[in-house]
Amino acid sequence: MFDGRWRGAVDRRTAPIGSWLQAHGITADVLTATGLISATATAVAVAVGQMHLAILLLILTGAHDLFDGPVAKAAGTSSVRGAFFDSVTDRVADAVLMGGVAWYLISEGEGHLALLPLAILGVTAIVSYQRAKAEALGLTAKGGLMERAERMILLGAGLLDPVLLVPVLWILLVLTSITAVGRFVRVWKQASEVSPQAIARRRAKIADSRWREWREREAAGGRSALWPERFQARRDASMGNRDARSRRSRRPTQRP
């Protein structure tokens, strides 16, 4: 829901801050890595029952996640490698946070409720996988009631008071499950309406756009992480083999 409605407005407001951070030597990878550290600290604070401290640390975690993209854009270092690192780090942070909540519930003598954050983590993994798989197939699976930003906000609301935590976790589980079902239906409809050939063309178009971006950066004298040297060498070898086959096919047949 956040990506669909407010992402553009938030990006416009965070862009100047991203430029300022980048000018002071802070990179997107540093923000991503330190965001994982603050998420771990949040989980520890929750596990020991320091909820108000956990809220502050959760806000700090969200700030890292909010500004790593603008910093990468300001530095001109947005890449597939960076997106992969950010996505994996987000998944690890989700697991750590839910682990902290489960530890707290067990410490409070509500061991059976420790399954609740684990269930939320499982459904969250399904939501993330649906998007990743859909995009790999050239389809879209963004949106829904409970994307990562909404999950963090709702979790923060649950940390305001221990009495609110369990009800908020139930709400989080239900809304995240609705998001997973909604994404499944959305991707299912898209996949039913397009042929395998069309999906292959979409994937080829995505690869071609990445190739053009690499060429543009190369022409500008920059270095791109989209097409490392080993992939470029493979592509050159493939193009060379294709040219050789083409020359052989055009060569006139010699009769004995």
C-alpha atoms as a PDB file:
ATOM      1  CA  MET A   1       0.000   0.000   0.000  1.00  0.00           C
ATOM      2  CA  PHE A   2       2.865   2.376   0.846  1.00  0.00           C
ATOM      3  CA  ASP A   3       4.646   1.719  -2.462  1.00  0.00           C
ATOM      4  CA  GLY A   4       1.497   2.248  -4.468  1.00  0.00           C
ATOM      5  CA  ARG A   5       0.227   5.478  -2.875  1.00  0.00           C
ATOM      6  CA  TRP A   6       2.990   7.391  -1.141  1.00  0.00           C
ATOM      7  CA  ARG A   7       6.276   6.135  -2.520  1.00  0.00           C
ATOM      8  CA  GLY A   8       6.642   8.980  -5.037  1.00  0.00           C
ATOM      9  CA  ALA A   9       5.890  11.705  -2.494  1.00  0.00           C
ATOM     10  CA  VAL A  10       8.223  10.189   0.100  1.00  0.00           C
ATOM     11  CA  ASP A  11      11.025   9.796  -2.466  1.00  0.00           C
ATOM     12  CA  ARG A  12      10.752  13.484  -3.375  1.00  0.00           C
ATOM     13  CA  ARG A  13      11.096  14.489   0.278  1.00  0.00           C
ATOM     14  CA  THR A  14      13.904  12.078   1.111  1.00  0.00           C
ATOM     15  CA  ALA A  15      15.989  12.845  -1.976  1.00  0.00           C
ATOM     16  CA  PRO A  16      17.603  16.004  -0.474  1.00  0.00           C
ATOM     17  CA  ILE A  17      18.458  14.111   2.722  1.00  0.00           C
ATOM     18  CA  GLY A  18      19.946  11.296   0.652  1.00  0.00           C
ATOM     19  CA  SER A  19      22.099  13.802  -1.224  1.00  0.00           C
ATOM     20  CA  TRP A  20      23.266  15.332   2.066  1.00  0.00           C
ATOM     21  CA  LEU A  21      24.185  11.940   3.531  1.00  0.00           C
ATOM     22  CA  GLN A  22      26.014  10.945   0.372  1.00  0.00           C
ATOM     23  CA  ALA A  23      27.943  14.219   0.363  1.00  0.00           C
ATOM     24  CA  HIS A  24      29.136  13.433   3.897  1.00  0.00           C
ATOM     25  CA  GLY A  25      30.545  10.060   2.870  1.00  0.00           C
ATOM     26  CA  ILE A  26      27.708   7.769   3.944  1.00  0.00           C
ATOM     27  CA  THR A  27      26.996   5.006   1.428  1.00  0.00           C
ATOM     28  CA  ALA A  28      23.832   3.003   0.847  1.00  0.00           C
ATOM     29  CA  ASP A  29      25.571  -0.234   1.840  1.00  0.00           C
ATOM     30  CA  VAL A  30      26.617   1.296   5.166  1.00  0.00           C
ATOM     31  CA  LEU A  31      23.017   2.327   5.873  1.00  0.00           C
ATOM     32  CA  THR A  32      21.746  -1.132   4.948  1.00  0.00           C
ATOM     33  CA  ALA A  33      24.281  -2.905   7.148  1.00  0.00           C
ATOM     34  CA  THR A  34      23.800  -0.578  10.142  1.00  0.00           C
ATOM     35  CA  GLY A  35      20.049  -0.955   9.716  1.00  0.00           C
ATOM     36  CA  LEU A  36      20.478  -4.664  10.395  1.00  0.00           C
ATOM     37  CA  ILE A  37      22.495  -3.820  13.506  1.00  0.00           C
ATOM     38  CA  SER A  38      19.750  -1.519  14.801  1.00  0.00           C
ATOM     39  CA  ALA A  39      17.126  -4.192  14.018  1.00  0.00           C
ATOM     40  CA  THR A  40      19.135  -6.659  16.117  1.00  0.00           C
ATOM     41  CA  ALA A  41      19.300  -4.133  18.934  1.00  0.00           C
ATOM     42  CA  THR A  42      15.536  -3.666  18.649  1.00  0.00           C
ATOM     43  CA  ALA A  43      14.992  -7.412  18.947  1.00  0.00           C
ATOM     44  CA  VAL A  44      17.187  -7.573  22.057  1.00  0.00           C
ATOM     45  CA  ALA A  45      15.288  -4.673  23.639  1.00  0.00           C
ATOM     46  CA  VAL A  46      11.974  -6.407  22.953  1.00  0.00           C
ATOM     47  CA  ALA A  47      13.260  -9.724  24.274  1.00  0.00           C
ATOM     48  CA  VAL A  48      14.218  -8.183  27.636  1.00  0.00           C
ATOM     49  CA  GLY A  49      10.989  -6.195  27.886  1.00  0.00           C
ATOM     50  CA  GLN A  50      12.391  -2.698  27.211  1.00  0.00           C
ATOM     51  CA  MET A  51       9.513  -1.719  24.927  1.00  0.00           C
ATOM     52  CA  HIS A  52       9.984   2.056  24.864  1.00  0.00           C
ATOM     53  CA  LEU A  53      13.647   1.654  23.981  1.00  0.00           C
ATOM     54  CA  ALA A  54      12.619  -0.872  21.348  1.00  0.00           C
ATOM     55  CA  ILE A  55      10.293   1.698  19.758  1.00  0.00           C
ATOM     56  CA  LEU A  56      13.136   4.209  19.430  1.00  0.00           C
ATOM     57  CA  LEU A  57      15.412   1.575  17.936  1.00  0.00           C
ATOM     58  CA  LEU A  58      12.654   0.451  15.562  1.00  0.00           C
ATOM     59  CA  ILE A  59      12.292   4.038  14.329  1.00  0.00           C
ATOM     60  CA  LEU A  60      16.051   4.118  13.783  1.00  0.00           C
ATOM     61  CA  THR A  61      15.826   0.862  11.833  1.00  0.00           C
ATOM     62  CA  GLY A  62      13.082   2.312   9.656  1.00  0.00           C
ATOM     63  CA  ALA A  63      15.164   5.439   9.017  1.00  0.00           C
ATOM     64  CA  HIS A  64      18.051   3.326   7.722  1.00  0.00           C
ATOM     65  CA  ASP A  65      15.689   1.471   5.433  1.00  0.00           C
ATOM     66  CA  LEU A  66      14.105   4.719   4.257  1.00  0.00           C
ATOM     67  CA  PHE A  67      17.288   6.528   3.294  1.00  0.00           C
ATOM     68  CA  ASP A  68      19.494   3.827   1.761  1.00  0.00           C
ATOM     69  CA  GLY A  69      17.650   4.119  -1.563  1.00  0.00           C
ATOM     70  CA  PRO A  70      17.933   7.936  -1.845  1.00  0.00           C
ATOM     71  CA  VAL A  71      21.628   7.745  -0.924  1.00  0.00           C
ATOM     72  CA  ALA A  72      22.241   5.165  -3.669  1.00  0.00           C
ATOM     73  CA  LYS A  73      20.412   7.337  -6.203  1.00  0.00           C
ATOM     74  CA  ALA A  74      22.316  10.449  -5.140  1.00  0.00           C
ATOM     75  CA  ALA A  75      25.617   8.612  -5.551  1.00  0.00           C
ATOM     76  CA  GLY A  76      24.585   7.019  -8.850  1.00  0.00           C
ATOM     77  CA  THR A  77      25.341   3.570  -7.428  1.00  0.00           C
ATOM     78  CA  SER A  78      21.883   1.990  -7.677  1.00  0.00           C
ATOM     79  CA  SER A  79      22.470  -1.552  -8.837  1.00  0.00           C
ATOM     80  CA  VAL A  80      21.152  -5.082  -8.812  1.00  0.00           C
ATOM     81  CA  ARG A  81      23.826  -5.949  -6.248  1.00  0.00           C
ATOM     82  CA  GLY A  82      22.618  -3.212  -3.930  1.00  0.00           C
ATOM     83  CA  ALA A  83      18.978  -4.199  -4.367  1.00  0.00           C
ATOM     84  CA  PHE A  84      19.864  -7.824  -3.600  1.00  0.00           C
ATOM     85  CA  PHE A  85      21.821  -6.842  -0.487  1.00  0.00           C
ATOM     86  CA  ASP A  86      18.981  -4.624   0.733  1.00  0.00           C
ATOM     87  CA  SER A  87      16.334  -7.289   0.137  1.00  0.00           C
ATOM     88  CA  VAL A  88      18.275 -10.039   1.908  1.00  0.00           C
ATOM     89  CA  THR A  89      19.060  -7.730   4.826  1.00  0.00           C
ATOM     90  CA  ASP A  90      15.369  -6.853   5.174  1.00  0.00           C
ATOM     91  CA  ARG A  91      14.452 -10.531   5.390  1.00  0.00           C
ATOM     92  CA  VAL A  92      17.124 -11.146   8.051  1.00  0.00           C
ATOM     93  CA  ALA A  93      15.908  -8.113  10.015  1.00  0.00           C
ATOM     94  CA  ASP A  94      12.320  -9.411   9.890  1.00  0.00           C
ATOM     95  CA  ALA A  95      13.463 -12.773  11.267  1.00  0.00           C
ATOM     96  CA  VAL A  96      15.484 -11.158  14.048  1.00  0.00           C
ATOM     97  CA  LEU A  97      12.619  -8.881  15.111  1.00  0.00           C
ATOM     98  CA  MET A  98      10.070 -11.681  15.247  1.00  0.00           C
ATOM     99  CA  GLY A  99      12.608 -13.789  17.127  1.00  0.00           C
ATOM    100  CA  GLY A 100      12.867 -11.054  19.741  1.00  0.00           C
ATOM    101  CA  VAL A 101       9.090 -10.934  20.094  1.00  0.00           C
ATOM    102  CA  ALA A 102       8.919 -14.723  20.467  1.00  0.00           C
ATOM    103  CA  TRP A 103      11.632 -14.626  23.152  1.00  0.00           C
ATOM    104  CA  TYR A 104       9.660 -12.001  25.078  1.00  0.00           C
ATOM    105  CA  LEU A 105       6.454 -14.034  24.958  1.00  0.00           C
ATOM    106  CA  ILE A 106       8.260 -17.144  26.215  1.00  0.00           C
ATOM    107  CA  SER A 107       9.879 -15.125  29.026  1.00  0.00           C
ATOM    108  CA  GLU A 108       6.444 -13.884  30.074  1.00  0.00           C
ATOM    109  CA  GLY A 109       5.223 -17.450  30.420  1.00  0.00           C
ATOM    110  CA  GLU A 110       3.116 -17.392  27.262  1.00  0.00           C
ATOM    111  CA  GLY A 111       5.111 -19.981  25.395  1.00  0.00           C
ATOM    112  CA  HIS A 112       2.266 -21.126  23.168  1.00  0.00           C
ATOM    113  CA  LEU A 113       1.888 -17.555  21.856  1.00  0.00           C
ATOM    114  CA  ALA A 114       5.499 -17.668  20.654  1.00  0.00           C
ATOM    115  CA  LEU A 115       4.094 -19.456  17.609  1.00  0.00           C
ATOM    116  CA  LEU A 116       2.305 -16.226  16.667  1.00  0.00           C
ATOM    117  CA  PRO A 117       5.387 -14.202  15.600  1.00  0.00           C
ATOM    118  CA  LEU A 118       6.744 -17.313  13.887  1.00  0.00           C
ATOM    119  CA  ALA A 119       3.509 -17.582  11.892  1.00  0.00           C
ATOM    120  CA  ILE A 120       3.803 -13.900  10.965  1.00  0.00           C
ATOM    121  CA  LEU A 121       7.367 -14.492   9.819  1.00  0.00           C
ATOM    122  CA  GLY A 122       6.257 -17.429   7.670  1.00  0.00           C
ATOM    123  CA  VAL A 123       3.478 -15.463   5.950  1.00  0.00           C
ATOM    124  CA  THR A 124       5.844 -12.513   5.483  1.00  0.00           C
ATOM    125  CA  ALA A 125       8.294 -14.812   3.703  1.00  0.00           C
ATOM    126  CA  ILE A 126       5.490 -15.938   1.382  1.00  0.00           C
ATOM    127  CA  VAL A 127       4.623 -12.313   0.557  1.00  0.00           C
ATOM    128  CA  SER A 128       8.264 -11.530  -0.260  1.00  0.00           C
ATOM    129  CA  TYR A 129       8.679 -14.695  -2.311  1.00  0.00           C
ATOM    130  CA  GLN A 130       5.567 -13.948  -4.347  1.00  0.00           C
ATOM    131  CA  ARG A 131       6.944 -10.579  -5.383  1.00  0.00           C
ATOM    132  CA  ALA A 132      10.395 -11.950  -6.189  1.00  0.00           C
ATOM    133  CA  LYS A 133       9.039 -14.849  -8.243  1.00  0.00           C
ATOM    134  CA  ALA A 134       6.516 -12.672 -10.074  1.00  0.00           C
ATOM    135  CA  GLU A 135       9.179 -10.139 -11.041  1.00  0.00           C
ATOM    136  CA  ALA A 136      11.471 -12.952 -12.202  1.00  0.00           C
ATOM    137  CA  LEU A 137       8.654 -14.032 -14.539  1.00  0.00           C
ATOM    138  CA  GLY A 138       8.147 -10.497 -15.836  1.00  0.00           C
ATOM    139  CA  LEU A 139       4.941  -9.976 -13.805  1.00  0.00           C
ATOM    140  CA  THR A 140       4.106  -7.569 -10.976  1.00  0.00           C
ATOM    141  CA  ALA A 141       3.085  -8.366  -7.400  1.00  0.00           C
ATOM    142  CA  LYS A 142       3.484  -5.093  -5.542  1.00  0.00           C
ATOM    143  CA  GLY A 143       0.934  -3.664  -3.167  1.00  0.00           C
ATOM    144  CA  GLY A 144      -1.288  -5.061  -0.484  1.00  0.00           C
ATOM    145  CA  LEU A 145      -2.371  -4.081   3.003  1.00  0.00           C
ATOM    146  CA  MET A 146       0.778  -5.196   4.824  1.00  0.00           C
ATOM    147  CA  GLU A 147       4.020  -4.455   3.055  1.00  0.00           C
ATOM    148  CA  ARG A 148       7.187  -3.996   5.085  1.00  0.00           C
ATOM    149  CA  ALA A 149       6.607  -0.352   6.048  1.00  0.00           C
ATOM    150  CA  GLU A 150       3.111  -1.091   7.322  1.00  0.00           C
ATOM    151  CA  ARG A 151       4.346  -4.118   9.274  1.00  0.00           C
ATOM    152  CA  MET A 152       6.986  -2.031  11.028  1.00  0.00           C
ATOM    153  CA  ILE A 153       4.472   0.699  11.921  1.00  0.00           C
ATOM    154  CA  LEU A 154       1.956  -1.802  13.284  1.00  0.00           C
ATOM    155  CA  LEU A 155       4.639  -3.622  15.274  1.00  0.00           C
ATOM    156  CA  GLY A 156       5.704  -0.294  16.767  1.00  0.00           C
ATOM    157  CA  ALA A 157       2.106   0.315  17.843  1.00  0.00           C
ATOM    158  CA  GLY A 158       2.097  -3.055  19.578  1.00  0.00           C
ATOM    159  CA  LEU A 159       5.258  -2.125  21.495  1.00  0.00           C
ATOM    160  CA  LEU A 160       3.589   0.917  23.060  1.00  0.00           C
ATOM    161  CA  ASP A 161       2.110  -1.278  25.780  1.00  0.00           C
ATOM    162  CA  PRO A 162       2.608  -4.988  26.578  1.00  0.00           C
ATOM    163  CA  VAL A 163      -1.175  -5.344  26.746  1.00  0.00           C
ATOM    164  CA  LEU A 164      -1.423  -4.320  23.080  1.00  0.00           C
ATOM    165  CA  LEU A 165       1.321  -6.602  21.783  1.00  0.00           C
ATOM    166  CA  VAL A 166      -0.592  -9.877  21.387  1.00  0.00           C
ATOM    167  CA  PRO A 167      -3.743  -8.318  19.843  1.00  0.00           C
ATOM    168  CA  VAL A 168      -1.543  -6.360  17.419  1.00  0.00           C
ATOM    169  CA  LEU A 169       0.305  -9.543  16.480  1.00  0.00           C
ATOM    170  CA  TRP A 170      -3.005 -11.222  15.648  1.00  0.00           C
ATOM    171  CA  ILE A 171      -4.013  -8.240  13.509  1.00  0.00           C
ATOM    172  CA  LEU A 172      -0.624  -8.328  11.821  1.00  0.00           C
ATOM    173  CA  LEU A 173      -1.001 -12.034  11.053  1.00  0.00           C
ATOM    174  CA  VAL A 174      -4.484 -11.616   9.578  1.00  0.00           C
ATOM    175  CA  LEU A 175      -3.629  -8.576   7.438  1.00  0.00           C
ATOM    176  CA  THR A 176      -0.369 -10.098   6.196  1.00  0.00           C
ATOM    177  CA  SER A 177      -2.254 -13.279   5.265  1.00  0.00           C
ATOM    178  CA  ILE A 178      -4.783 -11.181   3.334  1.00  0.00           C
ATOM    179  CA  THR A 179      -1.876  -9.522   1.535  1.00  0.00           C
ATOM    180  CA  ALA A 180      -0.416 -12.918   0.608  1.00  0.00           C
ATOM    181  CA  VAL A 181      -3.756 -14.144  -0.745  1.00  0.00           C
ATOM    182  CA  GLY A 182      -4.286 -10.902  -2.663  1.00  0.00           C
ATOM    183  CA  ARG A 183      -0.878 -11.107  -4.298  1.00  0.00           C
ATOM    184  CA  PHE A 184      -1.429 -14.736  -5.228  1.00  0.00           C
ATOM    185  CA  VAL A 185      -4.726 -13.903  -6.921  1.00  0.00           C
ATOM    186  CA  ARG A 186      -3.193 -10.913  -8.708  1.00  0.00           C
ATOM    187  CA  VAL A 187      -0.261 -12.883 -10.085  1.00  0.00           C
ATOM    188  CA  TRP A 188      -2.494 -15.847 -10.946  1.00  0.00           C
ATOM    189  CA  LYS A 189      -4.689 -13.592 -13.104  1.00  0.00           C
ATOM    190  CA  GLN A 190      -1.684 -12.036 -14.816  1.00  0.00           C
ATOM    191  CA  ALA A 191      -0.156 -15.438 -15.527  1.00  0.00           C
ATOM    192  CA  SER A 192      -3.465 -16.717 -16.918  1.00  0.00           C
ATOM    193  CA  GLU A 193      -3.772 -13.796 -19.323  1.00  0.00           C
ATOM    194  CA  VAL A 194      -0.319 -13.982 -20.888  1.00  0.00           C
ATOM    195  CA  SER A 195       1.382 -16.754 -22.813  1.00  0.00           C
ATOM    196  CA  PRO A 196       4.791 -18.242 -21.935  1.00  0.00           C
ATOM    197  CA  GLN A 197       6.153 -16.501 -25.040  1.00  0.00           C
ATOM    198  CA  ALA A 198       4.965 -13.117 -23.739  1.00  0.00           C
ATOM    199  CA  ILE A 199       6.572 -13.761 -20.348  1.00  0.00           C
ATOM    200  CA  ALA A 200       9.821 -14.698 -22.092  1.00  0.00           C
ATOM    201  CA  ARG A 201       9.679 -11.441 -24.062  1.00  0.00           C
ATOM    202  CA  ARG A 202       9.126  -9.459 -20.853  1.00  0.00           C
ATOM    203  CA  ARG A 203      12.119 -11.103 -19.205  1.00  0.00           C
ATOM    204  CA  ALA A 204      14.232 -10.416 -22.291  1.00  0.00           C
ATOM    205  CA  LYS A 205      13.106  -6.789 -22.211  1.00  0.00           C
ATOM    206  CA  ILE A 206      14.190  -6.464 -18.578  1.00  0.00           C
ATOM    207  CA  ALA A 207      17.601  -7.952 -19.410  1.00  0.00           C
ATOM    208  CA  ASP A 208      17.914  -5.625 -22.409  1.00  0.00           C
ATOM    209  CA  SER A 209      17.119  -2.562 -20.287  1.00  0.00           C
ATOM    210  CA  ARG A 210      19.843  -3.576 -17.846  1.00  0.00           C
ATOM    211  CA  TRP A 211      22.252  -4.013 -20.720  1.00  0.00           C
ATOM    212  CA  ARG A 212      21.435  -0.525 -22.035  1.00  0.00           C
ATOM    213  CA  GLU A 213      21.950   0.949 -18.572  1.00  0.00           C
ATOM    214  CA  TRP A 214      25.340  -0.723 -18.359  1.00  0.00           C
ATOM    215  CA  ARG A 215      26.307   0.685 -21.772  1.00  0.00           C
ATOM    216  CA  GLU A 216      25.194   4.174 -20.745  1.00  0.00           C
ATOM    217  CA  ARG A 217      27.243   4.041 -17.566  1.00  0.00           C
ATOM    218  CA  GLU A 218      30.241   2.704 -19.465  1.00  0.00           C
ATOM    219  CA  ALA A 219      29.958   5.553 -21.959  1.00  0.00           C
ATOM    220  CA  ALA A 220      29.788   8.038 -19.076  1.00  0.00           C
ATOM    221  CA  GLY A 221      32.931   6.570 -17.567  1.00  0.00           C
ATOM    222  CA  GLY A 222      31.169   5.025 -14.585  1.00  0.00           C
ATOM    223  CA  ARG A 223      31.313   1.484 -13.360  1.00  0.00           C
ATOM    224  CA  SER A 224      28.124  -0.539 -13.097  1.00  0.00           C
ATOM    225  CA  ALA A 225      27.503  -3.547 -10.915  1.00  0.00           C
ATOM    226  CA  LEU A 226      24.769  -4.724 -13.259  1.00  0.00           C
ATOM    227  CA  TRP A 227      27.114  -6.351 -15.713  1.00  0.00           C
ATOM    228  CA  PRO A 228      30.377  -7.427 -14.039  1.00  0.00           C
ATOM    229  CA  GLU A 229      33.343  -8.221 -16.222  1.00  0.00           C
ATOM    230  CA  ARG A 230      32.791 -11.972 -16.171  1.00  0.00           C
ATOM    231  CA  PHE A 231      29.250 -11.561 -17.515  1.00  0.00           C
ATOM    232  CA  GLN A 232      30.504  -9.162 -20.156  1.00  0.00           C
ATOM    233  CA  ALA A 233      33.132 -11.705 -21.217  1.00  0.00           C
ATOM    234  CA  ARG A 234      30.489 -14.412 -21.478  1.00  0.00           C
ATOM    235  CA  ARG A 235      28.270 -12.143 -23.563  1.00  0.00           C
ATOM    236  CA  ASP A 236      31.153 -11.228 -25.880  1.00  0.00           C
ATOM    237  CA  ALA A 237      32.006 -14.905 -26.299  1.00  0.00           C
ATOM    238  CA  SER A 238      28.370 -15.701 -27.030  1.00  0.00           C
ATOM    239  CA  MET A 239      28.137 -12.897 -29.585  1.00  0.00           C
ATOM    240  CA  GLY A 240      31.388 -14.067 -31.180  1.00  0.00           C
ATOM    241  CA  ASN A 241      30.104 -17.629 -31.504  1.00  0.00           C
ATOM    242  CA  ARG A 242      26.833 -16.333 -32.957  1.00  0.00           C
ATOM    243  CA  ASP A 243      28.712 -14.209 -35.534  1.00  0.00           C
ATOM    244  CA  ALA A 244      30.871 -17.183 -36.472  1.00  0.00           C
ATOM    245  CA  ARG A 245      27.814 -19.361 -36.990  1.00  0.00           C
ATOM    246  CA  SER A 246      26.235 -16.613 -39.058  1.00  0.00           C
ATOM    247  CA  ARG A 247      29.323 -16.361 -41.305  1.00  0.00           C
ATOM    248  CA  ARG A 248      29.371 -20.119 -41.812  1.00  0.00           C
ATOM    249  CA  SER A 249      25.712 -20.127 -42.757  1.00  0.00           C
ATOM    250  CA  ARG A 250      26.310 -17.402 -45.380  1.00  0.00           C
ATOM    251  CA  ARG A 251      29.418 -19.095 -46.799  1.00  0.00           C
ATOM    252  CA  PRO A 252      28.684 -20.585 -50.259  1.00  0.00           C
ATOM    253  CA  THR A 253      28.780 -24.344 -50.447  1.00  0.00           C
ATOM    254  CA  GLN A 254      31.770 -25.619 -52.420  1.00  0.00           C
ATOM    255  CA  ARG A 255      31.080 -28.443 -54.802  1.00  0.00           C
ATOM    256  CA  PRO A 256      33.702 -31.125 -55.295  1.00  0.00           C
END
